[in-house]
Amino acid sequence: QVQLVESGGGLVQAGGSLRLSCAASGRTFSSYSMGWFRQPPGKEREFVATISWSGGRISYVDSVKGRFTISRDNAKNTLYLQMNSLKPEDTAVYYCAADRIMRRTGVINARDFGSWGQGTQVTVSS
């Protein structure tokens, strides 16, 4: 199990930027595929982006493509989500998550994530 702590959320005007960070405990961070999810007010949690443990496979939900960038720094045990051109509809609690298994070789799905952070609030004003 990997313990995860998100930070970097806040209030920003539409068109602005934020960078979320997710600090992971443990020496095996580099072996886990990671993801970002979000839960808008009154809605279910939804997938935002994933990055494979090797960093070679990245995917995004269509609504954030071209605006958000997921990345990882294995030396710092940290996952990032750079969010640019933010929109009011990006308002949500953002969660980072880690795969249930190490060194997954196939495509990862939402149900494959087993460790979650506590979330960080992102509010985009119009």
Foldseek 3Di string as FASTA:
>chain_A
DKAKAKDWADEEAAQAKIKMKIAIDDLQLLFWKKFKWWAAPPGDIGGAKIAGSPRPDIDGDPVQPPFWDWDDDSVRNMIMIIGGRDDQVVWTWMKMFIFPDTNDDDDDDPVRTDYIYPTDTHGYHD
